[in-house]
Amino acid sequence: MLLLQFSTSHYCRKARLALGYKKIPYQVENLTPGLHILKLKPLTGLSTVPVLLPQKTGQPEAIADSTCIFNYLETYQKDPPFMLCDPPKQTQALLLEDWLDESIGTATRFVYYNYRAGEGKSIDPSLSSQLVINIVRRQYGITPKTVELAQKRLEEAMNVLGYWKEQPYLVGDSLSIADITATALLSPLALIPYYRQAYPWLFEKIVTIHNMCGETLPPGLSV
C-alpha cells in the first residue's frame, strides 16, 4: 500500500496510526503542497490528503479522506479492530471522531501555524519552512481573530476529553477510532509549551498510543 501525504499533516498522521495499529505494511510518498493537486485530482477528484492507494488487484484504486481510510482498513483487515463491537459505544466513538475531525483538528491547525509563525519561528526559521507556513496561513484564513476562536475550541476540547486521563481509552475497553483521531489531531500541540505544561496527561496518552501503533513520535515528544 502507498500513502500519499504531507509529512507534517496531522490528518495524515491519523492514517499512519491506523495502518500501524493494523500492522499493515505500507510506504509513503510525500507530496509538495500546491503541486500535489496534479497527482491527486486524477485519482480522487479532490485536492486533500491523505490518500491511500491499496495497489492490489480487486481493491479500489484510491481512498481519499482519513475516515474513509479507517473504514476501508477495517474491512480489509479485521484484526486488531478499531471499531467497537458494542453499537452505542461505536456510535459514541464515531461522534467523537467527527467532532475532532471537523472542529478540533482545524483548531489545532490554526493555533499551531500561528505559533510557528510567531513565538515558535525558531523551531525552523528557514525560508522554505516559513514560506510553507505563510502559504498555509493564507490558504486557511489564519488571522488573530480566527486563532482566538481556535484557542477557545481547544480549551473546550481539553474539558470534554479530560476524563481520558482517568481511563485508558476514550470509549469502551479497547482502542478505537476516537483514540487514534484524538492522538493524531492534537499531536502538533506538543511543540507549544503552554499545552505541554497545562495538559501533561494528554501527551502521555499521545505517546502511549503512538507506541501501540508503532508510529514515530511527533515533534516535541521524540526522545
N, C-alpha and C. Protein backbone atom coordinates (compact mmCIF):
# COMPACT_ATOMS: atom_id res chain seq x y z
N MET A 1 0.84 -1.19 0.00
CA MET A 1 0.00 0.00 0.00
C MET A 1 0.87 1.25 0.00
N LEU A 2 0.35 2.30 -0.59
CA LEU A 2 1.07 3.56 -0.67
C LEU A 2 0.18 4.67 -0.12
N LEU A 3 0.73 5.44 0.82
CA LEU A 3 0.01 6.56 1.41
C LEU A 3 0.56 7.85 0.85
N LEU A 4 -0.29 8.59 0.15
CA LEU A 4 0.08 9.92 -0.35
C LEU A 4 -0.23 10.92 0.74
N GLN A 5 0.78 11.74 1.10
CA GLN A 5 0.61 12.58 2.28
C GLN A 5 1.45 13.83 2.21
N PHE A 6 1.14 14.77 3.12
CA PHE A 6 2.07 15.82 3.52
C PHE A 6 2.72 15.31 4.80
N SER A 7 4.01 15.39 4.89
CA SER A 7 4.71 14.81 6.04
C SER A 7 4.32 15.46 7.36
N THR A 8 3.89 16.73 7.33
CA THR A 8 3.56 17.45 8.57
C THR A 8 2.06 17.43 8.90
N SER A 9 1.24 16.83 8.05
CA SER A 9 -0.20 16.87 8.26
C SER A 9 -0.63 15.95 9.39
N HIS A 10 -1.41 16.49 10.34
CA HIS A 10 -1.89 15.66 11.44
C HIS A 10 -3.01 14.73 10.98
N TYR A 11 -3.69 15.07 9.88
CA TYR A 11 -4.68 14.14 9.32
C TYR A 11 -3.99 12.95 8.66
N CYS A 12 -2.82 13.16 8.08
CA CYS A 12 -2.05 12.06 7.54
C CYS A 12 -1.46 11.20 8.66
N ARG A 13 -1.11 11.82 9.76
CA ARG A 13 -0.66 11.06 10.93
C ARG A 13 -1.77 10.11 11.40
N LYS A 14 -2.99 10.58 11.34
CA LYS A 14 -4.14 9.74 11.71
C LYS A 14 -4.17 8.47 10.86
N ALA A 15 -3.97 8.60 9.56
CA ALA A 15 -3.96 7.43 8.67
C ALA A 15 -2.78 6.52 8.98
N ARG A 16 -1.61 7.10 9.28
CA ARG A 16 -0.44 6.27 9.59
C ARG A 16 -0.65 5.49 10.88
N LEU A 17 -1.26 6.12 11.88
CA LEU A 17 -1.54 5.42 13.13
C LEU A 17 -2.48 4.24 12.88
N ALA A 18 -3.49 4.45 12.04
CA ALA A 18 -4.43 3.36 11.74
C ALA A 18 -3.73 2.21 11.03
N LEU A 19 -2.91 2.51 10.05
CA LEU A 19 -2.15 1.47 9.35
C LEU A 19 -1.21 0.75 10.30
N GLY A 20 -0.57 1.52 11.17
CA GLY A 20 0.36 0.92 12.13
C GLY A 20 -0.33 0.02 13.12
N TYR A 21 -1.49 0.45 13.60
CA TYR A 21 -2.22 -0.37 14.57
C TYR A 21 -2.65 -1.69 13.94
N LYS A 22 -3.02 -1.66 12.67
CA LYS A 22 -3.40 -2.88 11.96
C LYS A 22 -2.19 -3.71 11.54
N LYS A 23 -1.00 -3.12 11.71
CA LYS A 23 0.25 -3.79 11.29
C LYS A 23 0.23 -4.13 9.79
N ILE A 24 -0.29 -3.20 9.01
CA ILE A 24 -0.33 -3.36 7.56
C ILE A 24 0.89 -2.68 6.96
N PRO A 25 1.74 -3.40 6.24
CA PRO A 25 2.91 -2.76 5.62
C PRO A 25 2.48 -1.71 4.58
N TYR A 26 3.17 -0.60 4.57
CA TYR A 26 2.84 0.45 3.61
C TYR A 26 4.07 1.32 3.39
N GLN A 27 4.03 2.08 2.32
CA GLN A 27 5.05 3.08 2.04
C GLN A 27 4.37 4.44 1.96
N VAL A 28 5.16 5.49 2.09
CA VAL A 28 4.61 6.84 1.96
C VAL A 28 5.26 7.58 0.80
N GLU A 29 4.49 8.45 0.20
CA GLU A 29 5.01 9.38 -0.79
C GLU A 29 4.64 10.78 -0.33
N ASN A 30 5.65 11.57 0.01
CA ASN A 30 5.43 12.93 0.47
C ASN A 30 5.23 13.86 -0.72
N LEU A 31 4.09 14.52 -0.74
CA LEU A 31 3.76 15.42 -1.83
C LEU A 31 4.15 16.86 -1.49
N THR A 32 4.33 17.67 -2.52
CA THR A 32 4.64 19.08 -2.34
C THR A 32 3.35 19.88 -2.36
N PRO A 33 3.06 20.64 -1.28
CA PRO A 33 1.83 21.45 -1.27
C PRO A 33 1.73 22.34 -2.51
N GLY A 34 0.58 22.36 -3.10
CA GLY A 34 0.37 23.12 -4.34
C GLY A 34 0.47 22.20 -5.54
N LEU A 35 1.64 21.58 -5.70
CA LEU A 35 1.84 20.64 -6.79
C LEU A 35 1.09 19.33 -6.57
N HIS A 36 0.70 19.07 -5.32
CA HIS A 36 0.02 17.82 -5.01
C HIS A 36 -1.29 17.65 -5.78
N ILE A 37 -1.89 18.78 -6.17
CA ILE A 37 -3.16 18.72 -6.89
C ILE A 37 -3.01 17.95 -8.20
N LEU A 38 -1.86 18.10 -8.85
CA LEU A 38 -1.63 17.43 -10.13
C LEU A 38 -1.67 15.91 -9.98
N LYS A 39 -1.29 15.43 -8.80
CA LYS A 39 -1.28 13.99 -8.55
C LYS A 39 -2.65 13.51 -8.07
N LEU A 40 -3.29 14.29 -7.22
CA LEU A 40 -4.50 13.81 -6.55
C LEU A 40 -5.77 13.96 -7.39
N LYS A 41 -5.89 15.06 -8.13
CA LYS A 41 -7.12 15.31 -8.88
C LYS A 41 -7.49 14.15 -9.81
N PRO A 42 -6.53 13.61 -10.59
CA PRO A 42 -6.90 12.50 -11.47
C PRO A 42 -7.29 11.24 -10.70
N LEU A 43 -6.80 11.09 -9.46
CA LEU A 43 -7.08 9.89 -8.68
C LEU A 43 -8.39 9.95 -7.94
N THR A 44 -8.69 11.10 -7.33
CA THR A 44 -9.84 11.19 -6.43
C THR A 44 -10.83 12.29 -6.80
N GLY A 45 -10.42 13.22 -7.66
CA GLY A 45 -11.25 14.37 -7.95
C GLY A 45 -11.17 15.42 -6.86
N LEU A 46 -10.36 15.16 -5.83
CA LEU A 46 -10.20 16.08 -4.70
C LEU A 46 -8.77 16.59 -4.65
N SER A 47 -8.53 17.51 -3.72
CA SER A 47 -7.18 18.07 -3.58
C SER A 47 -6.63 17.89 -2.17
N THR A 48 -7.24 16.99 -1.40
CA THR A 48 -6.88 16.83 0.00
C THR A 48 -6.15 15.51 0.25
N VAL A 49 -5.28 15.53 1.24
CA VAL A 49 -4.59 14.34 1.72
C VAL A 49 -5.14 14.03 3.12
N PRO A 50 -5.00 12.76 3.56
CA PRO A 50 -4.29 11.64 2.95
C PRO A 50 -5.11 10.94 1.88
N VAL A 51 -4.38 10.23 1.01
CA VAL A 51 -4.98 9.34 0.03
C VAL A 51 -4.23 8.01 0.10
N LEU A 52 -4.97 6.93 0.22
CA LEU A 52 -4.37 5.60 0.29
C LEU A 52 -4.58 4.87 -1.02
N LEU A 53 -3.48 4.34 -1.58
CA LEU A 53 -3.53 3.52 -2.79
C LEU A 53 -3.28 2.08 -2.38
N PRO A 54 -4.30 1.21 -2.37
CA PRO A 54 -4.11 -0.18 -1.95
C PRO A 54 -3.13 -0.95 -2.83
N GLN A 55 -3.07 -0.63 -4.13
CA GLN A 55 -2.15 -1.27 -5.07
C GLN A 55 -2.33 -2.79 -5.10
N LYS A 56 -3.57 -3.21 -5.01
CA LYS A 56 -3.88 -4.64 -5.04
C LYS A 56 -5.03 -4.89 -6.00
N THR A 57 -4.93 -5.99 -6.75
CA THR A 57 -6.00 -6.37 -7.67
C THR A 57 -7.31 -6.58 -6.92
N GLY A 58 -8.37 -6.04 -7.47
CA GLY A 58 -9.67 -6.20 -6.85
C GLY A 58 -9.99 -5.20 -5.76
N GLN A 59 -9.04 -4.33 -5.45
CA GLN A 59 -9.25 -3.30 -4.43
C GLN A 59 -9.42 -1.94 -5.11
N PRO A 60 -10.01 -0.97 -4.41
CA PRO A 60 -10.16 0.37 -5.00
C PRO A 60 -8.81 0.95 -5.40
N GLU A 61 -8.82 1.77 -6.45
CA GLU A 61 -7.55 2.40 -6.88
C GLU A 61 -7.05 3.38 -5.83
N ALA A 62 -7.97 4.16 -5.26
CA ALA A 62 -7.57 5.20 -4.31
C ALA A 62 -8.70 5.43 -3.31
N ILE A 63 -8.31 5.65 -2.04
CA ILE A 63 -9.28 6.01 -1.00
C ILE A 63 -8.85 7.34 -0.42
N ALA A 64 -9.71 8.34 -0.54
CA ALA A 64 -9.42 9.68 -0.02
C ALA A 64 -10.15 9.89 1.29
N ASP A 65 -9.58 10.73 2.15
CA ASP A 65 -10.17 11.12 3.43
C ASP A 65 -9.81 10.09 4.51
N SER A 66 -9.36 10.60 5.65
CA SER A 66 -8.89 9.73 6.72
C SER A 66 -9.99 8.82 7.26
N THR A 67 -11.22 9.32 7.33
CA THR A 67 -12.32 8.48 7.84
C THR A 67 -12.62 7.35 6.86
N CYS A 68 -12.62 7.63 5.58
CA CYS A 68 -12.83 6.58 4.58
C CYS A 68 -11.70 5.56 4.62
N ILE A 69 -10.49 6.02 4.90
CA ILE A 69 -9.35 5.10 5.03
C ILE A 69 -9.57 4.18 6.23
N PHE A 70 -10.04 4.72 7.36
CA PHE A 70 -10.37 3.89 8.53
C PHE A 70 -11.36 2.80 8.14
N ASN A 71 -12.44 3.19 7.46
CA ASN A 71 -13.49 2.24 7.11
C ASN A 71 -12.96 1.16 6.18
N TYR A 72 -12.13 1.57 5.22
CA TYR A 72 -11.55 0.60 4.30
C TYR A 72 -10.64 -0.39 5.03
N LEU A 73 -9.78 0.12 5.90
CA LEU A 73 -8.84 -0.75 6.61
C LEU A 73 -9.57 -1.75 7.50
N GLU A 74 -10.70 -1.34 8.07
CA GLU A 74 -11.45 -2.24 8.95
C GLU A 74 -12.04 -3.41 8.15
N THR A 75 -12.41 -3.17 6.90
CA THR A 75 -12.92 -4.27 6.07
C THR A 75 -11.77 -5.07 5.45
N TYR A 76 -10.65 -4.38 5.18
CA TYR A 76 -9.51 -5.06 4.57
C TYR A 76 -8.86 -6.03 5.55
N GLN A 77 -8.74 -5.64 6.79
CA GLN A 77 -8.13 -6.49 7.82
C GLN A 77 -8.83 -6.24 9.15
N LYS A 78 -9.60 -7.21 9.58
CA LYS A 78 -10.45 -7.02 10.75
C LYS A 78 -9.66 -6.87 12.05
N ASP A 79 -8.61 -7.67 12.22
CA ASP A 79 -7.87 -7.68 13.48
C ASP A 79 -6.53 -6.97 13.37
N PRO A 80 -6.16 -6.21 14.40
CA PRO A 80 -6.98 -5.84 15.55
C PRO A 80 -7.99 -4.76 15.16
N PRO A 81 -9.20 -4.84 15.69
CA PRO A 81 -10.23 -3.87 15.29
C PRO A 81 -10.06 -2.53 15.98
N PHE A 82 -10.43 -1.46 15.29
CA PHE A 82 -10.59 -0.19 15.99
C PHE A 82 -12.02 0.31 15.92
N MET A 83 -12.91 -0.56 15.45
CA MET A 83 -14.35 -0.32 15.55
C MET A 83 -14.86 -1.17 16.71
N LEU A 84 -15.66 -0.59 17.59
CA LEU A 84 -16.11 -1.28 18.79
C LEU A 84 -17.31 -2.17 18.49
N CYS A 85 -17.38 -3.32 19.18
CA CYS A 85 -18.46 -4.28 18.95
C CYS A 85 -19.80 -3.79 19.49
N ASP A 86 -19.76 -3.00 20.55
CA ASP A 86 -20.99 -2.50 21.16
C ASP A 86 -21.52 -1.32 20.35
N PRO A 87 -22.70 -1.43 19.70
CA PRO A 87 -23.19 -0.36 18.81
C PRO A 87 -23.29 1.02 19.46
N PRO A 88 -23.85 1.16 20.68
CA PRO A 88 -23.89 2.50 21.27
C PRO A 88 -22.51 3.11 21.50
N LYS A 89 -21.56 2.26 21.93
CA LYS A 89 -20.19 2.77 22.14
C LYS A 89 -19.53 3.13 20.82
N GLN A 90 -19.78 2.33 19.78
CA GLN A 90 -19.22 2.66 18.48
C GLN A 90 -19.80 3.96 17.95
N THR A 91 -21.09 4.19 18.18
CA THR A 91 -21.71 5.46 17.79
C THR A 91 -21.05 6.62 18.52
N GLN A 92 -20.77 6.44 19.81
CA GLN A 92 -20.10 7.48 20.58
C GLN A 92 -18.70 7.76 20.03
N ALA A 93 -17.98 6.68 19.68
CA ALA A 93 -16.64 6.85 19.12
C ALA A 93 -16.68 7.58 17.79
N LEU A 94 -17.68 7.27 16.95
CA LEU A 94 -17.81 7.93 15.66
C LEU A 94 -18.17 9.41 15.82
N LEU A 95 -19.01 9.71 16.80
CA LEU A 95 -19.36 11.11 17.07
C LEU A 95 -18.14 11.90 17.53
N LEU A 96 -17.34 11.29 18.39
CA LEU A 96 -16.10 11.95 18.82
C LEU A 96 -15.16 12.16 17.65
N GLU A 97 -15.04 11.15 16.80
CA GLU A 97 -14.15 11.28 15.64
C GLU A 97 -14.61 12.41 14.73
N ASP A 98 -15.90 12.50 14.47
CA ASP A 98 -16.43 13.54 13.59
C ASP A 98 -16.19 14.93 14.19
N TRP A 99 -16.43 15.09 15.47
CA TRP A 99 -16.20 16.38 16.15
C TRP A 99 -14.73 16.76 16.11
N LEU A 100 -13.87 15.79 16.38
CA LEU A 100 -12.44 16.05 16.35
C LEU A 100 -11.99 16.42 14.93
N ASP A 101 -12.48 15.69 13.94
CA ASP A 101 -12.12 15.96 12.54
C ASP A 101 -12.56 17.35 12.08
N GLU A 102 -13.82 17.67 12.34
CA GLU A 102 -14.41 18.86 11.74
C GLU A 102 -14.14 20.14 12.52
N SER A 103 -13.91 20.04 13.82
CA SER A 103 -13.74 21.24 14.64
C SER A 103 -12.36 21.32 15.28
N ILE A 104 -11.98 20.28 16.00
CA ILE A 104 -10.77 20.37 16.81
C ILE A 104 -9.51 20.22 15.98
N GLY A 105 -9.52 19.37 14.97
CA GLY A 105 -8.36 19.27 14.09
C GLY A 105 -8.07 20.58 13.39
N THR A 106 -9.13 21.28 12.98
CA THR A 106 -8.97 22.59 12.36
C THR A 106 -8.44 23.60 13.37
N ALA A 107 -8.97 23.57 14.58
CA ALA A 107 -8.48 24.50 15.62
C ALA A 107 -7.00 24.26 15.90
N THR A 108 -6.59 23.00 15.95
CA THR A 108 -5.17 22.69 16.15
C THR A 108 -4.33 23.30 15.04
N ARG A 109 -4.79 23.17 13.81
CA ARG A 109 -4.05 23.73 12.68
C ARG A 109 -3.85 25.23 12.84
N PHE A 110 -4.92 25.93 13.20
CA PHE A 110 -4.84 27.39 13.33
C PHE A 110 -3.86 27.79 14.42
N VAL A 111 -3.97 27.14 15.58
CA VAL A 111 -3.10 27.50 16.71
C VAL A 111 -1.66 27.13 16.42
N TYR A 112 -1.45 25.97 15.81
CA TYR A 112 -0.09 25.50 15.53
C TYR A 112 0.62 26.43 14.55
N TYR A 113 -0.03 26.73 13.43
CA TYR A 113 0.65 27.55 12.41
C TYR A 113 0.80 29.00 12.87
N ASN A 114 -0.10 29.46 13.69
CA ASN A 114 0.08 30.80 14.28
C ASN A 114 1.31 30.81 15.19
N TYR A 115 1.48 29.75 15.97
CA TYR A 115 2.64 29.65 16.85
C TYR A 115 3.94 29.57 16.04
N ARG A 116 3.93 28.74 14.98
CA ARG A 116 5.14 28.57 14.18
C ARG A 116 5.54 29.86 13.45
N ALA A 117 4.58 30.72 13.20
CA ALA A 117 4.89 31.99 12.53
C ALA A 117 5.34 33.06 13.51
N GLY A 118 5.15 32.81 14.81
CA GLY A 118 5.49 33.81 15.82
C GLY A 118 6.49 33.28 16.82
N GLU A 119 6.02 32.96 18.03
CA GLU A 119 6.92 32.50 19.08
C GLU A 119 7.72 31.26 18.69
N GLY A 120 7.13 30.41 17.89
CA GLY A 120 7.80 29.16 17.52
C GLY A 120 8.58 29.22 16.24
N LYS A 121 8.85 30.40 15.75
CA LYS A 121 9.58 30.54 14.48
C LYS A 121 10.96 29.92 14.56
N SER A 122 11.57 29.94 15.75
CA SER A 122 12.93 29.40 15.91
C SER A 122 12.99 27.89 15.72
N ILE A 123 11.85 27.20 15.75
CA ILE A 123 11.85 25.75 15.52
C ILE A 123 12.47 25.44 14.17
N ASP A 124 12.10 26.22 13.17
CA ASP A 124 12.70 26.12 11.84
C ASP A 124 12.53 27.46 11.14
N PRO A 125 13.53 28.35 11.29
CA PRO A 125 13.41 29.68 10.71
C PRO A 125 13.78 29.75 9.23
N SER A 126 14.04 28.60 8.62
CA SER A 126 14.48 28.59 7.22
C SER A 126 13.42 29.23 6.33
N LEU A 127 13.88 29.78 5.22
CA LEU A 127 12.99 30.46 4.28
C LEU A 127 11.93 29.50 3.75
N SER A 128 12.33 28.26 3.42
CA SER A 128 11.37 27.30 2.86
C SER A 128 10.28 26.96 3.87
N SER A 129 10.67 26.78 5.14
CA SER A 129 9.69 26.44 6.17
C SER A 129 8.72 27.59 6.39
N GLN A 130 9.24 28.80 6.50
CA GLN A 130 8.37 29.95 6.73
C GLN A 130 7.48 30.24 5.52
N LEU A 131 7.97 29.91 4.33
CA LEU A 131 7.16 30.09 3.13
C LEU A 131 5.94 29.17 3.19
N VAL A 132 6.16 27.90 3.55
CA VAL A 132 5.06 26.95 3.66
C VAL A 132 4.07 27.40 4.73
N ILE A 133 4.60 27.84 5.87
CA ILE A 133 3.74 28.30 6.97
C ILE A 133 2.87 29.48 6.52
N ASN A 134 3.45 30.41 5.80
CA ASN A 134 2.69 31.58 5.34
C ASN A 134 1.65 31.19 4.30
N ILE A 135 1.98 30.21 3.44
CA ILE A 135 1.02 29.73 2.45
C ILE A 135 -0.19 29.11 3.16
N VAL A 136 0.09 28.29 4.18
CA VAL A 136 -0.98 27.64 4.93
C VAL A 136 -1.84 28.69 5.63
N ARG A 137 -1.21 29.68 6.22
CA ARG A 137 -1.98 30.71 6.94
C ARG A 137 -2.90 31.48 6.00
N ARG A 138 -2.41 31.77 4.79
CA ARG A 138 -3.25 32.47 3.81
C ARG A 138 -4.36 31.55 3.31
N GLN A 139 -4.01 30.30 3.04
CA GLN A 139 -4.97 29.34 2.48
C GLN A 139 -6.16 29.13 3.41
N TYR A 140 -5.89 29.05 4.72
CA TYR A 140 -6.96 28.74 5.67
C TYR A 140 -7.51 29.97 6.39
N GLY A 141 -7.01 31.14 6.06
CA GLY A 141 -7.52 32.36 6.69
C GLY A 141 -7.17 32.44 8.16
N ILE A 142 -5.91 32.15 8.48
CA ILE A 142 -5.46 32.17 9.87
C ILE A 142 -5.10 33.61 10.25
N THR A 143 -5.96 34.21 11.06
CA THR A 143 -5.80 35.60 11.50
C THR A 143 -5.90 35.64 13.02
N PRO A 144 -5.56 36.76 13.64
CA PRO A 144 -5.67 36.83 15.11
C PRO A 144 -7.06 36.45 15.62
N LYS A 145 -8.12 36.85 14.91
CA LYS A 145 -9.48 36.54 15.36
C LYS A 145 -9.79 35.06 15.23
N THR A 146 -9.39 34.45 14.11
CA THR A 146 -9.67 33.03 13.94
C THR A 146 -8.81 32.19 14.89
N VAL A 147 -7.62 32.66 15.20
CA VAL A 147 -6.77 31.95 16.16
C VAL A 147 -7.38 32.01 17.56
N GLU A 148 -7.92 33.16 17.92
CA GLU A 148 -8.56 33.30 19.23
C GLU A 148 -9.73 32.31 19.36
N LEU A 149 -10.53 32.20 18.31
CA LEU A 149 -11.64 31.24 18.32
C LEU A 149 -11.11 29.81 18.42
N ALA A 150 -10.04 29.52 17.70
CA ALA A 150 -9.45 28.18 17.74
C ALA A 150 -8.93 27.85 19.14
N GLN A 151 -8.32 28.81 19.79
CA GLN A 151 -7.83 28.59 21.16
C GLN A 151 -8.98 28.25 22.10
N LYS A 152 -10.11 28.93 21.95
CA LYS A 152 -11.28 28.66 22.78
C LYS A 152 -11.80 27.25 22.51
N ARG A 153 -11.79 26.84 21.25
CA ARG A 153 -12.25 25.49 20.91
C ARG A 153 -11.33 24.43 21.52
N LEU A 154 -10.04 24.69 21.54
CA LEU A 154 -9.11 23.74 22.13
C LEU A 154 -9.30 23.65 23.64
N GLU A 155 -9.56 24.77 24.28
CA GLU A 155 -9.83 24.73 25.72
C GLU A 155 -11.09 23.90 26.00
N GLU A 156 -12.09 24.07 25.16
CA GLU A 156 -13.31 23.27 25.28
C GLU A 156 -13.00 21.79 25.08
N ALA A 157 -12.16 21.51 24.10
CA ALA A 157 -11.80 20.11 23.83
C ALA A 157 -11.10 19.48 25.02
N MET A 158 -10.22 20.23 25.67
CA MET A 158 -9.50 19.68 26.83
C MET A 158 -10.47 19.39 27.96
N ASN A 159 -11.49 20.22 28.11
CA ASN A 159 -12.50 19.97 29.13
C ASN A 159 -13.33 18.74 28.79
N VAL A 160 -13.73 18.62 27.54
CA VAL A 160 -14.54 17.48 27.10
C VAL A 160 -13.76 16.17 27.24
N LEU A 161 -12.48 16.20 26.87
CA LEU A 161 -11.66 14.99 26.87
C LEU A 161 -10.96 14.74 28.20
N GLY A 162 -11.20 15.60 29.17
CA GLY A 162 -10.47 15.50 30.43
C GLY A 162 -10.63 14.17 31.13
N TYR A 163 -11.76 13.48 30.93
CA TYR A 163 -11.97 12.19 31.58
C TYR A 163 -10.99 11.13 31.09
N TRP A 164 -10.36 11.39 29.93
CA TRP A 164 -9.42 10.43 29.33
C TRP A 164 -8.25 10.15 30.27
N LYS A 165 -7.86 11.13 31.08
CA LYS A 165 -6.71 10.93 31.95
C LYS A 165 -6.99 9.93 33.05
N GLU A 166 -8.27 9.61 33.29
CA GLU A 166 -8.64 8.66 34.33
C GLU A 166 -8.87 7.25 33.79
N GLN A 167 -8.82 7.09 32.48
CA GLN A 167 -9.07 5.77 31.90
C GLN A 167 -8.22 5.60 30.65
N PRO A 168 -7.93 4.34 30.25
CA PRO A 168 -7.01 4.11 29.14
C PRO A 168 -7.54 4.55 27.79
N TYR A 169 -8.87 4.46 27.58
CA TYR A 169 -9.44 4.74 26.27
C TYR A 169 -10.60 5.72 26.38
N LEU A 170 -10.86 6.43 25.30
CA LEU A 170 -11.94 7.41 25.31
C LEU A 170 -13.30 6.76 25.38
N VAL A 171 -13.46 5.62 24.72
CA VAL A 171 -14.74 4.91 24.70
C VAL A 171 -14.47 3.42 24.87
N GLY A 172 -15.17 2.78 25.78
CA GLY A 172 -15.06 1.34 25.92
C GLY A 172 -13.75 0.88 26.53
N ASP A 173 -13.45 -0.40 26.31
CA ASP A 173 -12.30 -1.03 26.95
C ASP A 173 -11.17 -1.35 25.99
N SER A 174 -11.21 -0.78 24.79
CA SER A 174 -10.13 -1.03 23.83
C SER A 174 -9.94 0.20 22.96
N LEU A 175 -8.81 0.24 22.28
CA LEU A 175 -8.51 1.38 21.42
C LEU A 175 -9.53 1.46 20.29
N SER A 176 -9.96 2.67 19.99
CA SER A 176 -10.97 2.87 18.95
C SER A 176 -10.55 4.01 18.03
N ILE A 177 -11.40 4.23 17.04
CA ILE A 177 -11.19 5.32 16.09
C ILE A 177 -11.11 6.67 16.82
N ALA A 178 -11.78 6.79 17.97
CA ALA A 178 -11.76 8.04 18.73
C ALA A 178 -10.37 8.30 19.31
N ASP A 179 -9.74 7.27 19.87
CA ASP A 179 -8.40 7.43 20.46
C ASP A 179 -7.37 7.81 19.40
N ILE A 180 -7.43 7.12 18.26
CA ILE A 180 -6.46 7.39 17.19
C ILE A 180 -6.65 8.82 16.66
N THR A 181 -7.89 9.23 16.50
CA THR A 181 -8.16 10.57 15.97
C THR A 181 -7.70 11.65 16.93
N ALA A 182 -8.03 11.50 18.21
CA ALA A 182 -7.60 12.50 19.19
C ALA A 182 -6.07 12.56 19.26
N THR A 183 -5.44 11.40 19.25
CA THR A 183 -3.98 11.34 19.30
C THR A 183 -3.34 12.08 18.14
N ALA A 184 -3.83 11.82 16.94
CA ALA A 184 -3.24 12.43 15.75
C ALA A 184 -3.52 13.93 15.67
N LEU A 185 -4.76 14.31 15.88
CA LEU A 185 -5.15 15.69 15.60
C LEU A 185 -4.72 16.67 16.68
N LEU A 186 -4.39 16.17 17.87
CA LEU A 186 -3.88 17.05 18.93
C LEU A 186 -2.36 17.01 19.04
N SER A 187 -1.73 16.11 18.29
CA SER A 187 -0.27 15.92 18.42
C SER A 187 0.56 17.16 18.08
N PRO A 188 0.17 18.03 17.13
CA PRO A 188 1.00 19.21 16.86
C PRO A 188 1.17 20.13 18.07
N LEU A 189 0.25 20.04 19.03
CA LEU A 189 0.34 20.91 20.22
C LEU A 189 1.54 20.57 21.09
N ALA A 190 2.18 19.43 20.83
CA ALA A 190 3.35 19.02 21.62
C ALA A 190 4.50 20.02 21.50
N LEU A 191 4.51 20.80 20.44
CA LEU A 191 5.58 21.79 20.25
C LEU A 191 5.28 23.13 20.93
N ILE A 192 4.08 23.26 21.49
CA ILE A 192 3.69 24.54 22.09
C ILE A 192 3.78 24.41 23.61
N PRO A 193 4.69 25.13 24.27
CA PRO A 193 4.92 24.96 25.71
C PRO A 193 3.66 25.07 26.56
N TYR A 194 2.76 25.98 26.23
CA TYR A 194 1.56 26.16 27.05
C TYR A 194 0.80 24.85 27.20
N TYR A 195 0.56 24.16 26.09
CA TYR A 195 -0.24 22.93 26.14
C TYR A 195 0.52 21.80 26.83
N ARG A 196 1.83 21.74 26.61
CA ARG A 196 2.63 20.71 27.29
C ARG A 196 2.56 20.88 28.81
N GLN A 197 2.59 22.13 29.27
CA GLN A 197 2.57 22.39 30.72
C GLN A 197 1.17 22.24 31.31
N ALA A 198 0.15 22.66 30.55
CA ALA A 198 -1.22 22.66 31.09
C ALA A 198 -1.88 21.28 31.03
N TYR A 199 -1.48 20.45 30.06
CA TYR A 199 -2.17 19.17 29.86
C TYR A 199 -1.18 18.02 29.70
N PRO A 200 -0.34 17.78 30.70
CA PRO A 200 0.66 16.70 30.56
C PRO A 200 0.03 15.34 30.31
N TRP A 201 -1.17 15.10 30.86
CA TRP A 201 -1.84 13.81 30.67
C TRP A 201 -2.12 13.53 29.20
N LEU A 202 -2.43 14.59 28.43
CA LEU A 202 -2.74 14.41 27.01
C LEU A 202 -1.54 13.84 26.26
N PHE A 203 -0.37 14.36 26.56
CA PHE A 203 0.81 13.94 25.81
C PHE A 203 1.30 12.57 26.27
N GLU A 204 0.98 12.20 27.50
CA GLU A 204 1.23 10.82 27.93
C GLU A 204 0.39 9.86 27.10
N LYS A 205 -0.88 10.22 26.87
CA LYS A 205 -1.75 9.40 26.02
C LYS A 205 -1.23 9.34 24.59
N ILE A 206 -0.79 10.47 24.08
CA ILE A 206 -0.30 10.52 22.70
C ILE A 206 0.91 9.61 22.53
N VAL A 207 1.82 9.63 23.50
CA VAL A 207 3.00 8.74 23.44
C VAL A 207 2.57 7.28 23.50
N THR A 208 1.67 6.96 24.43
CA THR A 208 1.23 5.57 24.60
C THR A 208 0.61 5.03 23.31
N ILE A 209 -0.26 5.80 22.69
CA ILE A 209 -0.95 5.30 21.50
C ILE A 209 -0.03 5.25 20.30
N HIS A 210 0.91 6.18 20.19
CA HIS A 210 1.93 6.06 19.13
C HIS A 210 2.71 4.77 19.30
N ASN A 211 3.06 4.42 20.53
CA ASN A 211 3.80 3.18 20.77
C ASN A 211 2.95 1.96 20.42
N MET A 212 1.66 2.01 20.76
CA MET A 212 0.75 0.91 20.42
C MET A 212 0.67 0.70 18.91
N CYS A 213 0.75 1.80 18.18
CA CYS A 213 0.60 1.75 16.71
C CYS A 213 1.94 1.63 15.98
N GLY A 214 3.04 1.66 16.72
CA GLY A 214 4.35 1.55 16.08
C GLY A 214 4.71 2.74 15.22
N GLU A 215 4.16 3.90 15.56
CA GLU A 215 4.40 5.11 14.77
C GLU A 215 5.42 6.00 15.48
N THR A 216 6.30 6.64 14.71
CA THR A 216 7.28 7.55 15.24
C THR A 216 6.59 8.70 15.98
N LEU A 217 7.12 9.05 17.15
CA LEU A 217 6.52 10.12 17.94
C LEU A 217 6.57 11.46 17.18
N PRO A 218 5.58 12.30 17.41
CA PRO A 218 5.56 13.60 16.73
C PRO A 218 6.62 14.54 17.28
N PRO A 219 6.98 15.58 16.51
CA PRO A 219 7.93 16.58 17.01
C PRO A 219 7.48 17.13 18.36
N GLY A 220 8.45 17.29 19.25
CA GLY A 220 8.16 17.76 20.59
C GLY A 220 8.08 16.64 21.59
N LEU A 221 7.86 15.41 21.11
CA LEU A 221 7.77 14.26 22.00
C LEU A 221 8.85 13.22 21.72
N SER A 222 9.59 13.41 20.65
CA SER A 222 10.65 12.47 20.30
C SER A 222 11.76 12.53 21.34
N VAL A 223 12.31 11.36 21.66
CA VAL A 223 13.39 11.27 22.65
C VAL A 223 14.70 11.67 22.00
